[in-house]
Amino acid sequence: MKSDLLEKASEIVTDPLVLINLVSQRVRQLNSGRSPLIPVRPSMGVADIALTEIIEGKIQLVEKAKA
């Protein structure tokens, strides 16, 4: 995981725990066969892909309504 991507993504999702959970969930999706939402270079790992998707606004945090 590249630290510059982590810094940029943390400006968008400011809560570190939420960012970790969002990236973790997206990494699981990518590892299970979901297609990346961005053009991927061979040097990118799945965490880099997830962080770049957050930075580019391709995935966003959606808060659930409280019951």
C-alpha atoms as a PDB file:
ATOM      1  CA  MET A   1       0.000   0.000   0.000  1.00  0.00           C
ATOM      2  CA  LYS A   2       1.423   3.340  -1.003  1.00  0.00           C
ATOM      3  CA  SER A   3       1.527   5.997   1.723  1.00  0.00           C
ATOM      4  CA  ASP A   4       0.715   8.859  -0.655  1.00  0.00           C
ATOM      5  CA  LEU A   5      -2.546   7.128  -1.593  1.00  0.00           C
ATOM      6  CA  LEU A   6      -3.328   6.583   2.081  1.00  0.00           C
ATOM      7  CA  GLU A   7      -2.754  10.274   2.841  1.00  0.00           C
ATOM      8  CA  LYS A   8      -5.013  11.412  -0.008  1.00  0.00           C
ATOM      9  CA  ALA A   9      -7.763   8.946   0.931  1.00  0.00           C
ATOM     10  CA  SER A  10      -7.588  10.024   4.590  1.00  0.00           C
ATOM     11  CA  GLU A  11      -8.410  13.576   3.491  1.00  0.00           C
ATOM     12  CA  ILE A  12     -11.659  12.231   2.019  1.00  0.00           C
ATOM     13  CA  VAL A  13     -12.558   9.724   4.755  1.00  0.00           C
ATOM     14  CA  THR A  14     -11.254  11.472   7.847  1.00  0.00           C
ATOM     15  CA  ASP A  15     -12.017   8.772  10.443  1.00  0.00           C
ATOM     16  CA  PRO A  16      -9.132   6.254  10.297  1.00  0.00           C
ATOM     17  CA  LEU A  17     -11.267   3.333  11.491  1.00  0.00           C
ATOM     18  CA  VAL A  18     -13.915   4.020   8.872  1.00  0.00           C
ATOM     19  CA  LEU A  19     -11.243   4.290   6.176  1.00  0.00           C
ATOM     20  CA  ILE A  20      -9.727   0.959   7.232  1.00  0.00           C
ATOM     21  CA  ASN A  21     -13.122  -0.727   7.156  1.00  0.00           C
ATOM     22  CA  LEU A  22     -13.998   0.769   3.772  1.00  0.00           C
ATOM     23  CA  VAL A  23     -10.693  -0.297   2.225  1.00  0.00           C
ATOM     24  CA  SER A  24     -10.935  -3.764   3.815  1.00  0.00           C
ATOM     25  CA  GLN A  25     -14.420  -4.324   2.460  1.00  0.00           C
ATOM     26  CA  ARG A  26     -13.402  -3.217  -1.035  1.00  0.00           C
ATOM     27  CA  VAL A  27     -10.269  -5.417  -0.935  1.00  0.00           C
ATOM     28  CA  ARG A  28     -12.480  -8.409  -0.078  1.00  0.00           C
ATOM     29  CA  GLN A  29     -14.757  -7.567  -3.011  1.00  0.00           C
ATOM     30  CA  LEU A  30     -11.819  -7.270  -5.411  1.00  0.00           C
ATOM     31  CA  ASN A  31     -10.278 -10.521  -4.170  1.00  0.00           C
ATOM     32  CA  SER A  32     -13.592 -12.317  -4.674  1.00  0.00           C
ATOM     33  CA  GLY A  33     -13.731 -11.333  -8.342  1.00  0.00           C
ATOM     34  CA  ARG A  34     -15.337  -7.891  -8.496  1.00  0.00           C
ATOM     35  CA  SER A  35     -13.937  -5.702 -11.263  1.00  0.00           C
ATOM     36  CA  PRO A  36     -11.922  -2.575 -10.421  1.00  0.00           C
ATOM     37  CA  LEU A  37     -13.683   0.715 -11.127  1.00  0.00           C
ATOM     38  CA  ILE A  38     -10.467   2.352 -12.333  1.00  0.00           C
ATOM     39  CA  PRO A  39      -7.784   1.502 -14.899  1.00  0.00           C
ATOM     40  CA  VAL A  40      -5.282  -0.752 -13.134  1.00  0.00           C
ATOM     41  CA  ARG A  41      -1.509  -0.827 -13.625  1.00  0.00           C
ATOM     42  CA  PRO A  42       0.376  -4.102 -13.044  1.00  0.00           C
ATOM     43  CA  SER A  43       2.258  -2.577 -10.091  1.00  0.00           C
ATOM     44  CA  MET A  44      -0.954  -1.836  -8.143  1.00  0.00           C
ATOM     45  CA  GLY A  45      -2.027  -4.074  -5.291  1.00  0.00           C
ATOM     46  CA  VAL A  46      -5.667  -4.491  -4.311  1.00  0.00           C
ATOM     47  CA  ALA A  47      -5.325  -2.003  -1.434  1.00  0.00           C
ATOM     48  CA  ASP A  48      -3.874   0.560  -3.870  1.00  0.00           C
ATOM     49  CA  ILE A  49      -6.837  -0.024  -6.171  1.00  0.00           C
ATOM     50  CA  ALA A  50      -9.308   0.444  -3.301  1.00  0.00           C
ATOM     51  CA  LEU A  51      -7.600   3.641  -2.109  1.00  0.00           C
ATOM     52  CA  THR A  52      -7.483   5.063  -5.643  1.00  0.00           C
ATOM     53  CA  GLU A  53     -11.188   4.313  -6.083  1.00  0.00           C
ATOM     54  CA  ILE A  54     -11.894   6.295  -2.902  1.00  0.00           C
ATOM     55  CA  ILE A  55      -9.678   9.181  -4.031  1.00  0.00           C
ATOM     56  CA  GLU A  56     -11.354   9.324  -7.450  1.00  0.00           C
ATOM     57  CA  GLY A  57     -14.845   9.198  -5.919  1.00  0.00           C
ATOM     58  CA  LYS A  58     -15.698   5.828  -7.473  1.00  0.00           C
ATOM     59  CA  ILE A  59     -16.710   4.396  -4.089  1.00  0.00           C
ATOM     60  CA  GLN A  60     -18.130   6.298  -1.172  1.00  0.00           C
ATOM     61  CA  LEU A  61     -19.199   5.674   2.371  1.00  0.00           C
ATOM     62  CA  VAL A  62     -22.968   5.359   2.724  1.00  0.00           C
ATOM     63  CA  GLU A  63     -24.320   5.674   6.215  1.00  0.00           C
ATOM     64  CA  LYS A  64     -27.153   3.346   7.172  1.00  0.00           C
ATOM     65  CA  ALA A  65     -30.303   4.854   8.614  1.00  0.00           C
ATOM     66  CA  LYS A  66     -30.819   4.079  12.290  1.00  0.00           C
ATOM     67  CA  ALA A  67     -33.890   2.006  13.054  1.00  0.00           C
END
